[in-house]
ModelCIF file with pLDDT and N, C-alpha, C, O atoms, coordinates in Angstrom:
data_MODEL
#
_entry.id   MODEL 
#
_entity.id                         1 
_entity.type                       polymer 
_entity.pdbx_number_of_molecules   1 
#
_entity_poly.entity_id                      1 
_entity_poly.type                           'polypeptide(L)' 
_entity_poly.nstd_linkage                   no 
_entity_poly.nstd_monomer                   no 
_entity_poly.pdbx_seq_one_letter_code       
;(UNK)(UNK)(UNK)(UNK)(UNK)(UNK)(UNK)(UNK)(UNK)(UNK)(UNK)(UNK)(UNK)(UNK)(UNK)(UNK)
(UNK)(UNK)(UNK)(UNK)(UNK)(UNK)(UNK)(UNK)(UNK)(UNK)(UNK)(UNK)(UNK)(UNK)(UNK)(UNK)
;
_entity_poly.pdbx_seq_one_letter_code_can   XXXXXXXXXXXXXXXXXXXXXXXXXXXXXXXX 
_entity_poly.pdbx_strand_id                 A 
#
loop_
_entity_poly_seq.entity_id 
_entity_poly_seq.num 
_entity_poly_seq.mon_id 
_entity_poly_seq.hetero 
1 1  UNK n 
1 2  UNK n 
1 3  UNK n 
1 4  UNK n 
1 5  UNK n 
1 6  UNK n 
1 7  UNK n 
1 8  UNK n 
1 9  UNK n 
1 10 UNK n 
1 11 UNK n 
1 12 UNK n 
1 13 UNK n 
1 14 UNK n 
1 15 UNK n 
1 16 UNK n 
1 17 UNK n 
1 18 UNK n 
1 19 UNK n 
1 20 UNK n 
1 21 UNK n 
1 22 UNK n 
1 23 UNK n 
1 24 UNK n 
1 25 UNK n 
1 26 UNK n 
1 27 UNK n 
1 28 UNK n 
1 29 UNK n 
1 30 UNK n 
1 31 UNK n 
1 32 UNK n 
#
_struct_asym.id          A 
_struct_asym.entity_id   1 
#
loop_
_ma_qa_metric.id 
_ma_qa_metric.mode 
_ma_qa_metric.name 
_ma_qa_metric.software_group_id 
_ma_qa_metric.type 
1 global pLDDT . pLDDT 
2 local  pLDDT . pLDDT 
#
_ma_qa_metric_global.metric_id      1 
_ma_qa_metric_global.metric_value   95.91 
_ma_qa_metric_global.model_id       1 
_ma_qa_metric_global.ordinal_id     1 
#
loop_
_ma_qa_metric_local.label_asym_id 
_ma_qa_metric_local.label_comp_id 
_ma_qa_metric_local.label_seq_id 
_ma_qa_metric_local.metric_id 
_ma_qa_metric_local.metric_value 
_ma_qa_metric_local.model_id 
_ma_qa_metric_local.ordinal_id 
A UNK 1  2 92.00 1 1  
A UNK 2  2 90.00 1 2  
A UNK 3  2 90.00 1 3  
A UNK 4  2 93.00 1 4  
A UNK 5  2 92.00 1 5  
A UNK 6  2 92.00 1 6  
A UNK 7  2 93.00 1 7  
A UNK 8  2 93.00 1 8  
A UNK 9  2 94.00 1 9  
A UNK 10 2 95.00 1 10 
A UNK 11 2 95.00 1 11 
A UNK 12 2 96.00 1 12 
A UNK 13 2 96.00 1 13 
A UNK 14 2 97.00 1 14 
A UNK 15 2 97.00 1 15 
A UNK 16 2 97.00 1 16 
A UNK 17 2 97.00 1 17 
A UNK 18 2 98.00 1 18 
A UNK 19 2 98.00 1 19 
A UNK 20 2 98.00 1 20 
A UNK 21 2 98.00 1 21 
A UNK 22 2 98.00 1 22 
A UNK 23 2 98.00 1 23 
A UNK 24 2 98.00 1 24 
A UNK 25 2 98.00 1 25 
A UNK 26 2 98.00 1 26 
A UNK 27 2 98.00 1 27 
A UNK 28 2 98.00 1 28 
A UNK 29 2 98.00 1 29 
A UNK 30 2 98.00 1 30 
A UNK 31 2 98.00 1 31 
A UNK 32 2 98.00 1 32 
#
loop_
_atom_site.group_PDB 
_atom_site.id 
_atom_site.type_symbol 
_atom_site.label_atom_id 
_atom_site.label_alt_id 
_atom_site.label_comp_id 
_atom_site.label_asym_id 
_atom_site.label_entity_id 
_atom_site.label_seq_id 
_atom_site.pdbx_PDB_ins_code 
_atom_site.Cartn_x 
_atom_site.Cartn_y 
_atom_site.Cartn_z 
_atom_site.occupancy 
_atom_site.B_iso_or_equiv 
_atom_site.pdbx_formal_charge 
_atom_site.auth_seq_id 
_atom_site.auth_comp_id 
_atom_site.auth_asym_id 
_atom_site.auth_atom_id 
_atom_site.pdbx_PDB_model_num 
ATOM 1   N N  . UNK A 1 1  ? 17.391 12.253  -9.040  1.00 92.00 ? 1  UNK A N  1 
ATOM 2   C CA . UNK A 1 1  ? 16.412 12.480  -7.977  1.00 92.00 ? 1  UNK A CA 1 
ATOM 3   C C  . UNK A 1 1  ? 17.066 13.087  -6.739  1.00 92.00 ? 1  UNK A C  1 
ATOM 4   O O  . UNK A 1 1  ? 16.401 13.791  -5.979  1.00 92.00 ? 1  UNK A O  1 
ATOM 5   N N  . UNK A 1 2  ? 18.349 12.830  -6.522  1.00 90.00 ? 2  UNK A N  1 
ATOM 6   C CA . UNK A 1 2  ? 19.042 13.391  -5.368  1.00 90.00 ? 2  UNK A CA 1 
ATOM 7   C C  . UNK A 1 2  ? 19.238 14.892  -5.493  1.00 90.00 ? 2  UNK A C  1 
ATOM 8   O O  . UNK A 1 2  ? 19.461 15.573  -4.492  1.00 90.00 ? 2  UNK A O  1 
ATOM 9   N N  . UNK A 1 3  ? 19.157 15.416  -6.708  1.00 90.00 ? 3  UNK A N  1 
ATOM 10  C CA . UNK A 1 3  ? 19.346 16.848  -6.925  1.00 90.00 ? 3  UNK A CA 1 
ATOM 11  C C  . UNK A 1 3  ? 18.028 17.624  -6.930  1.00 90.00 ? 3  UNK A C  1 
ATOM 12  O O  . UNK A 1 3  ? 18.027 18.849  -7.050  1.00 90.00 ? 3  UNK A O  1 
ATOM 13  N N  . UNK A 1 4  ? 16.914 16.914  -6.800  1.00 93.00 ? 4  UNK A N  1 
ATOM 14  C CA . UNK A 1 4  ? 15.603 17.568  -6.838  1.00 93.00 ? 4  UNK A CA 1 
ATOM 15  C C  . UNK A 1 4  ? 15.305 18.201  -5.486  1.00 93.00 ? 4  UNK A C  1 
ATOM 16  O O  . UNK A 1 4  ? 15.580 17.617  -4.438  1.00 93.00 ? 4  UNK A O  1 
ATOM 17  N N  . UNK A 1 5  ? 14.746 19.387  -5.526  1.00 92.00 ? 5  UNK A N  1 
ATOM 18  C CA . UNK A 1 5  ? 14.337 20.092  -4.318  1.00 92.00 ? 5  UNK A CA 1 
ATOM 19  C C  . UNK A 1 5  ? 13.466 19.173  -3.451  1.00 92.00 ? 5  UNK A C  1 
ATOM 20  O O  . UNK A 1 5  ? 12.491 18.606  -3.943  1.00 92.00 ? 5  UNK A O  1 
ATOM 21  N N  . UNK A 1 6  ? 13.810 19.022  -2.164  1.00 92.00 ? 6  UNK A N  1 
ATOM 22  C CA . UNK A 1 6  ? 13.008 18.144  -1.293  1.00 92.00 ? 6  UNK A CA 1 
ATOM 23  C C  . UNK A 1 6  ? 11.518 18.472  -1.302  1.00 92.00 ? 6  UNK A C  1 
ATOM 24  O O  . UNK A 1 6  ? 10.689 17.586  -1.094  1.00 92.00 ? 6  UNK A O  1 
ATOM 25  N N  . UNK A 1 7  ? 11.170 19.738  -1.540  1.00 93.00 ? 7  UNK A N  1 
ATOM 26  C CA . UNK A 1 7  ? 9.754  20.117  -1.576  1.00 93.00 ? 7  UNK A CA 1 
ATOM 27  C C  . UNK A 1 7  ? 9.025  19.483  -2.749  1.00 93.00 ? 7  UNK A C  1 
ATOM 28  O O  . UNK A 1 7  ? 7.808  19.305  -2.707  1.00 93.00 ? 7  UNK A O  1 
ATOM 29  N N  . UNK A 1 8  ? 9.767  19.143  -3.797  1.00 93.00 ? 8  UNK A N  1 
ATOM 30  C CA . UNK A 1 8  ? 9.167  18.529  -4.988  1.00 93.00 ? 8  UNK A CA 1 
ATOM 31  C C  . UNK A 1 8  ? 9.403  17.018  -5.050  1.00 93.00 ? 8  UNK A C  1 
ATOM 32  O O  . UNK A 1 8  ? 8.777  16.315  -5.843  1.00 93.00 ? 8  UNK A O  1 
ATOM 33  N N  . UNK A 1 9  ? 10.299 16.536  -4.217  1.00 94.00 ? 9  UNK A N  1 
ATOM 34  C CA . UNK A 1 9  ? 10.728 15.147  -4.341  1.00 94.00 ? 9  UNK A CA 1 
ATOM 35  C C  . UNK A 1 9  ? 9.613  14.158  -4.038  1.00 94.00 ? 9  UNK A C  1 
ATOM 36  O O  . UNK A 1 9  ? 9.574  13.079  -4.630  1.00 94.00 ? 9  UNK A O  1 
ATOM 37  N N  . UNK A 1 10 ? 8.710  14.499  -3.134  1.00 95.00 ? 10 UNK A N  1 
ATOM 38  C CA . UNK A 1 10 ? 7.621  13.581  -2.795  1.00 95.00 ? 10 UNK A CA 1 
ATOM 39  C C  . UNK A 1 10 ? 6.754  13.286  -4.016  1.00 95.00 ? 10 UNK A C  1 
ATOM 40  O O  . UNK A 1 10 ? 6.386  12.138  -4.263  1.00 95.00 ? 10 UNK A O  1 
ATOM 41  N N  . UNK A 1 11 ? 6.432  14.331  -4.776  1.00 95.00 ? 11 UNK A N  1 
ATOM 42  C CA . UNK A 1 11 ? 5.609  14.146  -5.972  1.00 95.00 ? 11 UNK A CA 1 
ATOM 43  C C  . UNK A 1 11 ? 6.351  13.325  -7.019  1.00 95.00 ? 11 UNK A C  1 
ATOM 44  O O  . UNK A 1 11 ? 5.766  12.469  -7.683  1.00 95.00 ? 11 UNK A O  1 
ATOM 45  N N  . UNK A 1 12 ? 7.646  13.596  -7.158  1.00 96.00 ? 12 UNK A N  1 
ATOM 46  C CA . UNK A 1 12 ? 8.443  12.832  -8.126  1.00 96.00 ? 12 UNK A CA 1 
ATOM 47  C C  . UNK A 1 12 ? 8.503  11.368  -7.717  1.00 96.00 ? 12 UNK A C  1 
ATOM 48  O O  . UNK A 1 12 ? 8.345  10.480  -8.555  1.00 96.00 ? 12 UNK A O  1 
ATOM 49  N N  . UNK A 1 13 ? 8.732  11.111  -6.430  1.00 96.00 ? 13 UNK A N  1 
ATOM 50  C CA . UNK A 1 13 ? 8.824  9.735   -5.968  1.00 96.00 ? 13 UNK A CA 1 
ATOM 51  C C  . UNK A 1 13 ? 7.510  9.003   -6.162  1.00 96.00 ? 13 UNK A C  1 
ATOM 52  O O  . UNK A 1 13 ? 7.510  7.817   -6.492  1.00 96.00 ? 13 UNK A O  1 
ATOM 53  N N  . UNK A 1 14 ? 6.393  9.683   -5.965  1.00 97.00 ? 14 UNK A N  1 
ATOM 54  C CA . UNK A 1 14 ? 5.089  9.062   -6.197  1.00 97.00 ? 14 UNK A CA 1 
ATOM 55  C C  . UNK A 1 14 ? 4.934  8.658   -7.657  1.00 97.00 ? 14 UNK A C  1 
ATOM 56  O O  . UNK A 1 14 ? 4.417  7.582   -7.960  1.00 97.00 ? 14 UNK A O  1 
ATOM 57  N N  . UNK A 1 15 ? 5.386  9.530   -8.562  1.00 97.00 ? 15 UNK A N  1 
ATOM 58  C CA . UNK A 1 15 ? 5.322  9.212   -9.984  1.00 97.00 ? 15 UNK A CA 1 
ATOM 59  C C  . UNK A 1 15 ? 6.199  8.002   -10.297 1.00 97.00 ? 15 UNK A C  1 
ATOM 60  O O  . UNK A 1 15 ? 5.792  7.121   -11.054 1.00 97.00 ? 15 UNK A O  1 
ATOM 61  N N  . UNK A 1 16 ? 7.392  7.955   -9.722  1.00 97.00 ? 16 UNK A N  1 
ATOM 62  C CA . UNK A 1 16 ? 8.312  6.845   -9.987  1.00 97.00 ? 16 UNK A CA 1 
ATOM 63  C C  . UNK A 1 16 ? 7.782  5.539   -9.397  1.00 97.00 ? 16 UNK A C  1 
ATOM 64  O O  . UNK A 1 16 ? 7.920  4.481   -10.010 1.00 97.00 ? 16 UNK A O  1 
ATOM 65  N N  . UNK A 1 17 ? 7.179  5.610   -8.215  1.00 97.00 ? 17 UNK A N  1 
ATOM 66  C CA . UNK A 1 17 ? 6.583  4.403   -7.624  1.00 97.00 ? 17 UNK A CA 1 
ATOM 67  C C  . UNK A 1 17 ? 5.445  3.881   -8.508  1.00 97.00 ? 17 UNK A C  1 
ATOM 68  O O  . UNK A 1 17 ? 5.255  2.671   -8.636  1.00 97.00 ? 17 UNK A O  1 
ATOM 69  N N  . UNK A 1 18 ? 4.698  4.794   -9.111  1.00 98.00 ? 18 UNK A N  1 
ATOM 70  C CA . UNK A 1 18 ? 3.625  4.385   -10.024 1.00 98.00 ? 18 UNK A CA 1 
ATOM 71  C C  . UNK A 1 18 ? 4.202  3.685   -11.248 1.00 98.00 ? 18 UNK A C  1 
ATOM 72  O O  . UNK A 1 18 ? 3.594  2.757   -11.782 1.00 98.00 ? 18 UNK A O  1 
ATOM 73  N N  . UNK A 1 19 ? 5.370  4.128   -11.690 1.00 98.00 ? 19 UNK A N  1 
ATOM 74  C CA . UNK A 1 19 ? 5.999  3.460   -12.837 1.00 98.00 ? 19 UNK A CA 1 
ATOM 75  C C  . UNK A 1 19 ? 6.449  2.052   -12.478 1.00 98.00 ? 19 UNK A C  1 
ATOM 76  O O  . UNK A 1 19 ? 6.340  1.140   -13.297 1.00 98.00 ? 19 UNK A O  1 
ATOM 77  N N  . UNK A 1 20 ? 6.952  1.865   -11.263 1.00 98.00 ? 20 UNK A N  1 
ATOM 78  C CA . UNK A 1 20 ? 7.327  0.508   -10.842 1.00 98.00 ? 20 UNK A CA 1 
ATOM 79  C C  . UNK A 1 20 ? 6.096  -0.392  -10.784 1.00 98.00 ? 20 UNK A C  1 
ATOM 80  O O  . UNK A 1 20 ? 6.166  -1.566  -11.146 1.00 98.00 ? 20 UNK A O  1 
ATOM 81  N N  . UNK A 1 21 ? 4.980  0.153   -10.334 1.00 98.00 ? 21 UNK A N  1 
ATOM 82  C CA . UNK A 1 21 ? 3.743  -0.639  -10.320 1.00 98.00 ? 21 UNK A CA 1 
ATOM 83  C C  . UNK A 1 21 ? 3.302  -0.955  -11.737 1.00 98.00 ? 21 UNK A C  1 
ATOM 84  O O  . UNK A 1 21 ? 2.828  -2.057  -12.010 1.00 98.00 ? 21 UNK A O  1 
ATOM 85  N N  . UNK A 1 22 ? 3.453  0.004   -12.639 1.00 98.00 ? 22 UNK A N  1 
ATOM 86  C CA . UNK A 1 22 ? 3.113  -0.250  -14.047 1.00 98.00 ? 22 UNK A CA 1 
ATOM 87  C C  . UNK A 1 22 ? 3.947  -1.418  -14.576 1.00 98.00 ? 22 UNK A C  1 
ATOM 88  O O  . UNK A 1 22 ? 3.424  -2.324  -15.225 1.00 98.00 ? 22 UNK A O  1 
ATOM 89  N N  . UNK A 1 23 ? 5.242  -1.384  -14.293 1.00 98.00 ? 23 UNK A N  1 
ATOM 90  C CA . UNK A 1 23 ? 6.123  -2.441  -14.782 1.00 98.00 ? 23 UNK A CA 1 
ATOM 91  C C  . UNK A 1 23 ? 5.692  -3.812  -14.285 1.00 98.00 ? 23 UNK A C  1 
ATOM 92  O O  . UNK A 1 23 ? 5.659  -4.770  -15.058 1.00 98.00 ? 23 UNK A O  1 
ATOM 93  N N  . UNK A 1 24 ? 5.362  -3.914  -13.001 1.00 98.00 ? 24 UNK A N  1 
ATOM 94  C CA . UNK A 1 24 ? 4.953  -5.206  -12.453 1.00 98.00 ? 24 UNK A CA 1 
ATOM 95  C C  . UNK A 1 24 ? 3.635  -5.669  -13.060 1.00 98.00 ? 24 UNK A C  1 
ATOM 96  O O  . UNK A 1 24 ? 3.469  -6.852  -13.357 1.00 98.00 ? 24 UNK A O  1 
ATOM 97  N N  . UNK A 1 25 ? 2.705  -4.749  -13.244 1.00 98.00 ? 25 UNK A N  1 
ATOM 98  C CA . UNK A 1 25 ? 1.412  -5.097  -13.849 1.00 98.00 ? 25 UNK A CA 1 
ATOM 99  C C  . UNK A 1 25 ? 1.599  -5.625  -15.266 1.00 98.00 ? 25 UNK A C  1 
ATOM 100 O O  . UNK A 1 25 ? 0.988  -6.625  -15.642 1.00 98.00 ? 25 UNK A O  1 
ATOM 101 N N  . UNK A 1 26 ? 2.438  -4.960  -16.053 1.00 98.00 ? 26 UNK A N  1 
ATOM 102 C CA . UNK A 1 26 ? 2.640  -5.373  -17.442 1.00 98.00 ? 26 UNK A CA 1 
ATOM 103 C C  . UNK A 1 26 ? 3.463  -6.653  -17.539 1.00 98.00 ? 26 UNK A C  1 
ATOM 104 O O  . UNK A 1 26 ? 3.276  -7.437  -18.469 1.00 98.00 ? 26 UNK A O  1 
ATOM 105 N N  . UNK A 1 27 ? 4.366  -6.873  -16.593 1.00 98.00 ? 27 UNK A N  1 
ATOM 106 C CA . UNK A 1 27 ? 5.087  -8.146  -16.568 1.00 98.00 ? 27 UNK A CA 1 
ATOM 107 C C  . UNK A 1 27 ? 4.116  -9.295  -16.354 1.00 98.00 ? 27 UNK A C  1 
ATOM 108 O O  . UNK A 1 27 ? 4.244  -10.348 -16.979 1.00 98.00 ? 27 UNK A O  1 
ATOM 109 N N  . UNK A 1 28 ? 3.147  -9.094  -15.472 1.00 98.00 ? 28 UNK A N  1 
ATOM 110 C CA . UNK A 1 28 ? 2.143  -10.134 -15.242 1.00 98.00 ? 28 UNK A CA 1 
ATOM 111 C C  . UNK A 1 28 ? 1.352  -10.405 -16.517 1.00 98.00 ? 28 UNK A C  1 
ATOM 112 O O  . UNK A 1 28 ? 1.001  -11.549 -16.804 1.00 98.00 ? 28 UNK A O  1 
ATOM 113 N N  . UNK A 1 29 ? 1.077  -9.363  -17.272 1.00 98.00 ? 29 UNK A N  1 
ATOM 114 C CA . UNK A 1 29 ? 0.376  -9.546  -18.550 1.00 98.00 ? 29 UNK A CA 1 
ATOM 115 C C  . UNK A 1 29 ? 1.205  -10.399 -19.498 1.00 98.00 ? 29 UNK A C  1 
ATOM 116 O O  . UNK A 1 29 ? 0.680  -11.313 -20.133 1.00 98.00 ? 29 UNK A O  1 
ATOM 117 N N  . UNK A 1 30 ? 2.483  -10.108 -19.597 1.00 98.00 ? 30 UNK A N  1 
ATOM 118 C CA . UNK A 1 30 ? 3.361  -10.897 -20.472 1.00 98.00 ? 30 UNK A CA 1 
ATOM 119 C C  . UNK A 1 30 ? 3.455  -12.339 -19.992 1.00 98.00 ? 30 UNK A C  1 
ATOM 120 O O  . UNK A 1 30 ? 3.415  -13.264 -20.804 1.00 98.00 ? 30 UNK A O  1 
ATOM 121 N N  . UNK A 1 31 ? 3.577  -12.542 -18.692 1.00 98.00 ? 31 UNK A N  1 
ATOM 122 C CA . UNK A 1 31 ? 3.739  -13.892 -18.140 1.00 98.00 ? 31 UNK A CA 1 
ATOM 123 C C  . UNK A 1 31 ? 2.483  -14.738 -18.325 1.00 98.00 ? 31 UNK A C  1 
ATOM 124 O O  . UNK A 1 31 ? 2.552  -15.967 -18.340 1.00 98.00 ? 31 UNK A O  1 
ATOM 125 N N  . UNK A 1 32 ? 1.351  -14.082 -18.463 1.00 98.00 ? 32 UNK A N  1 
ATOM 126 C CA . UNK A 1 32 ? 0.088  -14.828 -18.607 1.00 98.00 ? 32 UNK A CA 1 
ATOM 127 C C  . UNK A 1 32 ? -0.070 -15.449 -19.989 1.00 98.00 ? 32 UNK A C  1 
ATOM 128 O O  . UNK A 1 32 ? -1.077 -16.105 -20.260 1.00 98.00 ? 32 UNK A O  1 
#
């Protein structure tokens, strides 16, 4: 991610943040 053009990095970071949210949501499913 450090090598990605700053103009594109915001979109990439948004995608990665969505993946972290996915992980937390699915962990809650497993824990239930």
